[in-house]
Protein backbone atom coordinates (compact mmCIF):
# COMPACT_ATOMS: atom_id res chain seq x y z
CA MET A 1 -28.50 63.05 -12.27
CA ASN A 2 -25.45 64.79 -13.71
CA ASN A 3 -23.37 61.75 -14.85
CA ARG A 4 -20.48 63.29 -12.93
CA LEU A 5 -18.46 60.08 -12.58
CA ALA A 6 -18.66 59.10 -16.24
CA ARG A 7 -15.37 60.73 -17.30
CA ARG A 8 -13.26 60.65 -14.16
CA GLN A 9 -10.01 59.31 -12.77
CA ILE A 10 -11.19 57.25 -9.81
CA MET A 11 -9.42 55.37 -7.04
CA ILE A 12 -11.59 52.61 -5.59
CA LEU A 13 -10.54 51.01 -2.32
CA VAL A 14 -12.33 47.71 -1.71
CA GLU A 15 -12.22 45.25 1.15
CA GLY A 16 -11.77 42.05 -0.85
CA ASP A 17 -11.23 40.40 -4.22
CA LEU A 18 -14.96 39.89 -4.87
CA GLU A 19 -15.58 43.64 -4.97
CA LYS A 20 -12.75 44.09 -7.48
CA LYS A 21 -14.09 41.29 -9.64
CA LEU A 22 -17.57 42.80 -9.65
CA LEU A 23 -16.25 46.25 -10.53
CA ASP A 24 -14.22 44.86 -13.43
CA VAL A 25 -17.34 43.04 -14.69
CA PHE A 26 -19.42 46.23 -14.37
CA VAL A 27 -17.07 48.31 -16.47
CA ASP A 28 -15.70 45.78 -18.94
CA LYS A 29 -18.76 43.62 -19.63
CA CYS A 30 -22.09 45.06 -18.51
CA PHE A 31 -21.87 48.83 -18.76
CA PRO A 32 -20.10 50.16 -21.85
CA GLU A 33 -21.44 53.53 -20.68
CA LEU A 34 -18.69 53.44 -18.01
CA GLY A 35 -15.93 53.07 -20.58
CA GLY A 36 -14.77 56.66 -20.04
CA ILE A 37 -13.79 55.93 -16.44
CA SER A 38 -10.12 55.47 -15.66
CA ARG A 39 -9.92 53.43 -12.49
CA LYS A 40 -7.38 52.23 -9.99
CA ILE A 41 -8.89 49.44 -7.88
CA GLN A 42 -6.93 48.57 -4.75
CA VAL A 43 -7.89 45.57 -2.64
CA TYR A 44 -7.27 46.37 1.04
CA HIS A 45 -7.58 42.75 2.29
CA THR A 46 -8.81 43.79 5.71
CA ASN A 47 -11.77 45.64 7.19
CA ILE A 48 -12.88 49.18 7.82
CA TYR A 49 -11.73 49.17 11.44
CA TYR A 50 -8.13 48.53 10.40
CA LEU A 51 -8.47 51.42 7.96
CA TYR A 52 -9.71 53.60 10.82
CA LYS A 53 -6.68 52.54 12.87
CA GLU A 54 -4.34 53.49 10.03
CA ILE A 55 -5.99 56.87 9.62
CA VAL A 56 -5.56 57.62 13.34
CA SER A 57 -1.93 56.45 13.24
CA GLU A 58 -1.19 58.75 10.32
CA TYR A 59 -3.29 61.78 11.23
CA SER A 60 -4.02 61.58 15.02
CA GLU A 61 -7.28 61.08 16.94
CA ASN A 62 -8.49 64.43 15.61
CA TRP A 63 -8.36 63.28 12.00
CA THR A 64 -11.94 64.33 11.24
CA ASP A 65 -10.82 67.97 11.27
CA LEU A 66 -8.19 67.28 8.59
CA ASP A 67 -8.01 66.50 4.88
CA ILE A 68 -7.39 62.76 4.59
CA ASP A 69 -5.34 61.53 1.65
CA ILE A 70 -6.57 57.96 1.18
CA PRO A 71 -4.47 57.25 -1.96
CA LEU A 72 -1.29 58.29 -0.14
CA LEU A 73 -2.25 56.29 2.94
CA ILE A 74 -2.84 53.19 0.82
CA SER A 75 0.42 53.73 -1.07
CA ARG A 76 2.31 53.61 2.19
CA HIS A 77 0.33 50.61 3.43
CA PHE A 78 1.30 48.59 0.34
CA ASP A 79 4.70 50.23 -0.29
CA LEU A 80 3.54 51.36 -3.72
CA TYR A 81 6.06 53.16 -5.88
CA PRO A 82 5.67 55.75 -7.13
CA GLU A 83 3.38 56.87 -4.35
CA LEU A 84 -0.14 57.93 -5.19
CA ASP A 85 -1.79 60.95 -3.67
CA ARG A 86 -5.15 62.66 -3.71
CA ASN A 87 -4.17 64.94 -6.59
CA ASP A 88 -3.83 61.92 -8.89
CA PHE A 89 -7.57 61.27 -8.75
CA THR A 90 -10.77 63.21 -9.30
CA ASP A 91 -12.67 60.84 -7.01
CA VAL A 92 -12.04 58.33 -4.23
CA ILE A 93 -14.56 55.58 -3.46
CA MET A 94 -14.36 53.05 -0.62
CA VAL A 95 -16.43 49.86 -0.30
CA PHE A 96 -16.48 48.04 3.04
CA ASP A 97 -18.64 45.69 5.10
CA TYR A 98 -20.45 46.61 8.33
CA GLU A 99 -18.75 43.76 10.27
CA ARG A 100 -20.90 43.90 13.42
CA GLN A 101 -19.52 40.51 14.46
CA ASP A 102 -15.87 41.66 14.32
CA SER A 103 -13.98 42.08 17.61
CA MET A 104 -12.84 45.53 16.41
CA PHE A 105 -16.39 46.74 15.71
CA ASP A 106 -17.02 50.15 17.22
CA GLU A 107 -20.18 52.21 16.61
CA ASP A 108 -18.41 55.51 17.18
CA LYS A 109 -15.60 54.69 14.75
CA ILE A 110 -17.83 53.54 11.91
CA ARG A 111 -20.10 56.53 12.54
CA LEU A 112 -17.14 58.89 12.13
CA MET A 113 -16.06 57.10 8.95
CA GLN A 114 -19.53 57.30 7.37
CA SER A 115 -19.91 60.95 8.31
CA HIS A 116 -16.48 62.10 7.15
CA PHE A 117 -16.26 60.16 3.89
CA SER A 118 -19.41 61.45 2.23
CA ASN A 119 -18.10 63.08 -0.95
CA SER A 120 -16.07 61.23 -3.56
CA SER A 121 -14.56 64.41 -4.99
CA GLU A 122 -13.23 65.49 -1.58
CA ASP A 123 -11.70 63.02 0.90
CA GLY A 124 -13.74 60.15 -0.51
CA ARG A 125 -17.12 58.46 -0.33
CA LEU A 126 -17.74 55.37 1.78
CA PHE A 127 -20.23 52.65 0.83
CA ILE A 128 -21.05 50.29 3.72
CA ASN A 129 -22.73 46.97 2.93
CA TYR A 130 -24.99 45.29 5.52
CA PRO A 131 -24.07 42.78 6.77
CA MET A 132 -21.51 42.43 3.96
CA LEU A 133 -21.04 42.59 0.19
CA GLU A 134 -22.84 39.29 -0.35
CA SER A 135 -26.08 41.12 0.46
CA LEU A 136 -26.01 41.88 -3.27
CA TYR A 137 -27.18 38.33 -3.90
CA ASP A 138 -29.73 38.10 -1.06
CA MET A 139 -32.79 38.13 -3.33
CA GLU A 140 -34.78 35.26 -4.77
CA ALA A 141 -35.17 37.19 -8.03
CA ILE A 142 -35.31 40.80 -9.18
CA SER A 143 -39.07 40.60 -8.53
CA ASP A 144 -38.48 39.62 -4.88
CA ASP A 145 -40.40 42.31 -2.99
CA ASP A 146 -39.79 40.53 0.33
CA TYR A 147 -36.29 41.97 0.05
CA TYR A 148 -37.56 45.34 1.31
CA ASP A 149 -38.12 43.82 4.75
CA ARG A 150 -35.29 41.25 4.69
CA LYS A 151 -33.22 41.18 7.87
CA TYR A 152 -30.27 39.15 9.14
CA TYR A 153 -30.51 37.95 12.73
CA GLN A 154 -27.25 36.05 13.30
CA ILE A 155 -25.35 39.25 13.80
CA LYS A 156 -22.70 37.81 16.11
CA ALA A 157 -22.04 34.74 13.96
CA PRO A 158 -18.85 34.62 11.85
CA GLY A 159 -19.20 36.35 8.50
CA GLY A 160 -18.71 33.01 6.77
CA ASN A 161 -22.14 31.88 7.99
CA TYR A 162 -23.88 34.54 5.92
CA LYS A 163 -21.68 33.85 2.90
CA ASP A 164 -22.44 30.12 3.12
CA LYS A 165 -26.16 30.84 3.25
CA ILE A 166 -25.94 32.95 0.10
CA ILE A 167 -23.88 30.33 -1.74
CA ARG A 168 -26.45 27.64 -0.87
CA LYS A 169 -29.66 29.54 -1.56
CA SER A 170 -29.15 32.50 -3.88
CA SER A 171 -30.41 32.04 -7.42
CA LEU A 172 -28.98 35.44 -8.33
CA LYS A 173 -25.49 34.38 -7.29
CA LYS A 174 -25.79 31.44 -9.68
CA ILE A 175 -26.54 33.95 -12.44
CA PHE A 176 -23.39 35.90 -11.65
CA ASP A 177 -21.34 32.69 -11.45
CA PHE A 178 -22.63 31.43 -14.80
CA CYS A 179 -19.70 32.83 -16.81
CA SER A 180 -17.08 31.23 -14.54
CA THR A 181 -19.07 27.96 -14.64
CA LEU A 182 -18.82 27.90 -18.44
CA GLU A 183 -15.14 28.80 -18.26
CA LYS A 184 -14.51 25.76 -16.04
CA ILE A 185 -16.44 23.47 -18.39
CA VAL A 186 -14.38 24.62 -21.37
CA GLU A 187 -11.10 24.57 -19.45
CA ASN A 188 -11.63 21.02 -18.17
CA ARG A 189 -12.75 19.52 -21.47
CA ALA A 190 -11.15 21.55 -24.27
CA VAL A 191 -7.58 20.68 -23.34
CA ASP A 192 -6.48 21.04 -26.97
CA LEU A 193 -7.40 24.76 -27.07
CA SER A 194 -5.19 27.69 -26.18
CA ASP A 195 -6.23 29.96 -23.32
CA LYS A 196 -7.09 32.64 -25.87
CA ASP A 197 -9.38 30.33 -27.85
CA ARG A 198 -11.08 29.15 -24.65
CA ARG A 199 -11.87 32.75 -23.73
CA LEU A 200 -13.14 33.49 -27.23
CA LEU A 201 -15.32 30.38 -27.17
CA VAL A 202 -16.90 31.31 -23.83
CA ASP A 203 -17.48 34.86 -25.08
CA GLU A 204 -19.33 33.51 -28.11
CA ILE A 205 -21.40 31.10 -26.03
CA LEU A 206 -22.48 33.98 -23.80
CA LYS A 207 -23.74 35.88 -26.85
CA ILE A 208 -26.44 33.29 -27.53
CA ASP A 209 -29.64 35.32 -27.15
CA SER A 210 -32.46 32.88 -27.88
CA ASP A 211 -33.66 29.57 -26.49
CA GLU A 212 -34.20 28.20 -30.02
CA ASN A 213 -31.88 25.35 -31.06
CA VAL A 214 -29.43 26.09 -28.26
CA GLU A 215 -27.76 22.67 -28.42
CA GLU A 216 -27.17 23.03 -32.15
CA LYS A 217 -25.77 26.55 -31.68
CA LEU A 218 -23.43 25.33 -28.96
CA TYR A 219 -22.19 22.42 -31.04
CA ARG A 220 -21.57 24.69 -34.04
CA LEU A 221 -19.69 27.29 -31.96
CA ILE A 222 -17.49 24.71 -30.28
CA GLY A 223 -16.75 23.16 -33.67
CA LYS A 224 -15.22 26.45 -34.79
CA TYR A 225 -12.50 26.02 -32.18
CA SER A 226 -12.09 22.24 -31.83
CA SER A 227 -12.00 19.60 -34.52
CA ASP A 228 -12.57 16.83 -31.99
CA ASP A 229 -16.22 15.85 -32.36
CA LYS A 230 -16.31 14.02 -29.02
CA ILE A 231 -15.10 17.13 -27.18
CA ALA A 232 -17.63 19.28 -29.03
CA VAL A 233 -20.48 16.99 -27.97
CA GLU A 234 -19.30 16.84 -24.34
CA ILE A 235 -18.91 20.61 -24.02
CA SER A 236 -22.20 21.41 -25.76
CA ARG A 237 -24.13 19.00 -23.51
CA ALA A 238 -22.46 20.30 -20.34
CA CYS A 239 -23.15 23.91 -21.35
CA LEU A 240 -26.73 23.08 -22.31
CA SER A 241 -27.27 21.62 -18.84
CA GLU A 242 -26.12 24.90 -17.29
CA PHE A 243 -28.29 26.94 -19.68
CA SER A 244 -31.36 24.96 -18.63
CA LYS A 245 -30.63 25.72 -14.97
CA MET A 246 -30.30 29.44 -15.62
CA ARG A 247 -33.51 29.94 -17.64
CA TYR A 248 -32.42 33.47 -18.53
CA LEU A 249 -32.90 32.94 -22.28
CA GLU A 250 -36.60 32.20 -21.97
CA GLU A 251 -37.09 35.00 -19.44
CA LEU A 252 -35.67 38.00 -21.28
CA LYS A 253 -34.34 36.92 -24.68
CA TYR A 254 -31.08 38.79 -24.05
CA ASP A 255 -27.52 37.63 -24.35
CA TYR A 256 -25.89 36.90 -21.01
CA TRP A 257 -24.18 40.22 -20.30
CA LYS A 258 -27.25 42.26 -21.26
CA TYR A 259 -29.25 40.06 -18.93
CA VAL A 260 -26.76 40.60 -16.08
CA LYS A 261 -26.89 44.34 -16.75
CA THR A 262 -30.68 44.28 -16.42
CA VAL A 263 -30.44 42.31 -13.17
CA LEU A 264 -27.88 44.77 -11.74
CA MET A 265 -30.05 47.76 -12.66
CA HIS A 266 -33.02 46.28 -10.81
CA MET A 267 -30.81 45.33 -7.85
CA ALA A 268 -29.65 48.95 -7.64
CA ARG A 269 -33.25 50.17 -7.79
CA LYS A 270 -34.29 47.83 -4.97
CA ASN A 271 -31.40 48.89 -2.75
CA ILE A 272 -32.02 52.60 -3.37
CA LEU A 273 -35.63 52.02 -2.35
CA LYS A 274 -34.67 50.01 0.72
CA ALA A 275 -32.08 52.54 1.90
CA TYR A 276 -34.77 55.24 1.68
CA ILE A 277 -37.28 53.07 3.58
CA ILE A 278 -34.76 52.42 6.37
CA SER A 279 -33.70 56.06 6.62
CA LYS A 280 -37.29 57.32 6.77
CA GLY A 281 -38.67 54.52 8.94
CA ILE A 282 -41.53 53.77 6.55
CA GLN A 283 -42.97 50.81 4.62
CA ILE A 284 -42.65 50.12 0.88
CA SER A 285 -46.39 50.78 0.51
CA GLU A 286 -45.77 54.40 1.52
CA CYS A 287 -43.40 55.00 -1.42
CA LYS A 288 -45.87 54.63 -4.27
CA ASN A 289 -46.05 58.33 -5.08
CA ILE A 290 -42.38 59.15 -4.48
CA VAL A 291 -40.05 59.41 -7.48
CA LEU A 292 -37.04 57.07 -7.29
CA SER A 293 -34.55 59.85 -8.04
CA ASP A 294 -35.96 61.87 -5.14
CA MET A 295 -35.46 58.88 -2.86
CA TYR A 296 -31.86 58.62 -4.05
CA MET A 297 -31.13 62.28 -3.35
CA GLU A 298 -32.94 62.37 0.00
CA THR A 299 -31.45 59.24 1.59
CA ASP A 300 -29.06 60.05 4.42
CA TYR A 301 -26.65 57.16 4.87
CA ASN A 302 -25.64 58.47 8.29
CA VAL A 303 -29.25 57.86 9.35
CA VAL A 304 -29.18 54.41 7.70
CA LEU A 305 -26.07 53.55 9.72
CA GLU A 306 -27.63 54.83 12.95
CA LYS A 307 -30.76 52.76 12.36
CA GLN A 308 -28.57 49.70 11.74
CA ASN A 309 -26.57 50.38 14.92
CA ILE A 310 -29.75 50.63 16.99
CA ALA A 311 -31.41 47.54 15.47
CA SER A 312 -28.29 45.40 15.86
CA ASN A 313 -27.76 46.42 19.49
CA GLN A 314 -31.28 46.28 20.92
CA ALA A 315 -32.01 44.07 23.90
CA GLU A 316 -34.10 41.49 22.04
CA LYS A 317 -34.35 40.26 18.46
CA ARG A 318 -31.25 42.04 17.25
CA PHE A 319 -31.00 42.25 13.49
CA ILE A 320 -29.39 44.01 10.56
CA TRP A 321 -31.39 45.13 7.56
CA VAL A 322 -29.90 43.40 4.53
CA LEU A 323 -28.73 46.26 2.32
CA ASN A 324 -26.16 46.61 -0.44
CA THR A 325 -25.10 50.23 -0.86
CA PHE A 326 -22.27 49.35 -3.27
CA ILE A 327 -24.69 48.71 -6.15
CA THR A 328 -26.44 52.07 -5.60
CA ILE A 329 -23.42 53.80 -7.15
CA LEU A 330 -25.23 53.25 -10.45
CA GLY A 331 -27.41 56.15 -9.35
CA GLU A 332 -24.50 58.48 -10.19
CA PHE A 333 -25.02 57.88 -13.92
CA LYS A 334 -27.63 59.21 -16.32
CA PHE A 335 -28.13 55.88 -18.08
CA PHE A 336 -29.54 54.43 -14.86
CA TRP A 337 -32.24 57.08 -14.56
CA ASN A 338 -32.98 56.96 -18.28
CA TYR A 339 -33.58 53.21 -17.95
CA PHE A 340 -36.20 53.76 -15.25
CA LYS A 341 -37.47 56.96 -16.94
CA CYS A 342 -36.92 59.04 -13.82
């Protein structure tokens, strides 16, 4: 891989606030290797079919024959001043959900979007998540090999049904929510601390990288910021309870953000593999002698979309393969392939 995105000026258009939050975490916390990226993240707050409608309104029904300026289109949508345009960015990336259940869903429209937006350095590159972004969390653990065949069958149900399922069952989502859980504990109990000190305290707690004497370490850290012994005891016990639920210390002996980075790397690997399996119509057992980087380069996401369209519209047992393409963007960076020695 050529690490092409590592020193770029990138506009990222995302469907909702969760995508923005994840991207900020990627760059600011988990992947210092991405520090050279200058990014403008714009939350669109609606789905890909509204974006299609805006493109047609601006450029006509024959828009696929034209150069589409997504930054300019978004500037006008949000009345941004000064206006942005394509020349302000080296790359444009878009992250949206499949939304089969939406009343505006249209196979032809999403097919045109996937086909046209295939290059981030030209009009932009589109990442479609199936059935939605929350597919990122739809694993029991990073060792969950059942994920390669995981499907979602309630394709006409409201998107909230899938989100609720993930919230209830996903252990990986609990890992990603761990930081905000600690923030709430500190905010609710350490009322005598400034916002800055609360953030610093949580940052220090998340740097604990061993399961030895965790309660003592917590108590000592909290004591640095609060002289109230009762508060220190309450916060340390509440945090210890959350640590025991997570179990990440005894699993990998990393601090929290290094652990999350490791989880994200393996999530990306699994989704690269699954996208390849879907596109080729094969089983995971048939991939043993294929190099991961070759799978990444050979996967055609137009074919992935077509397979999803067919599976979700068949006469019986309609389904969508659970797949998160958003996380596969890590494949654009050398550090990812160095990690897996590809």
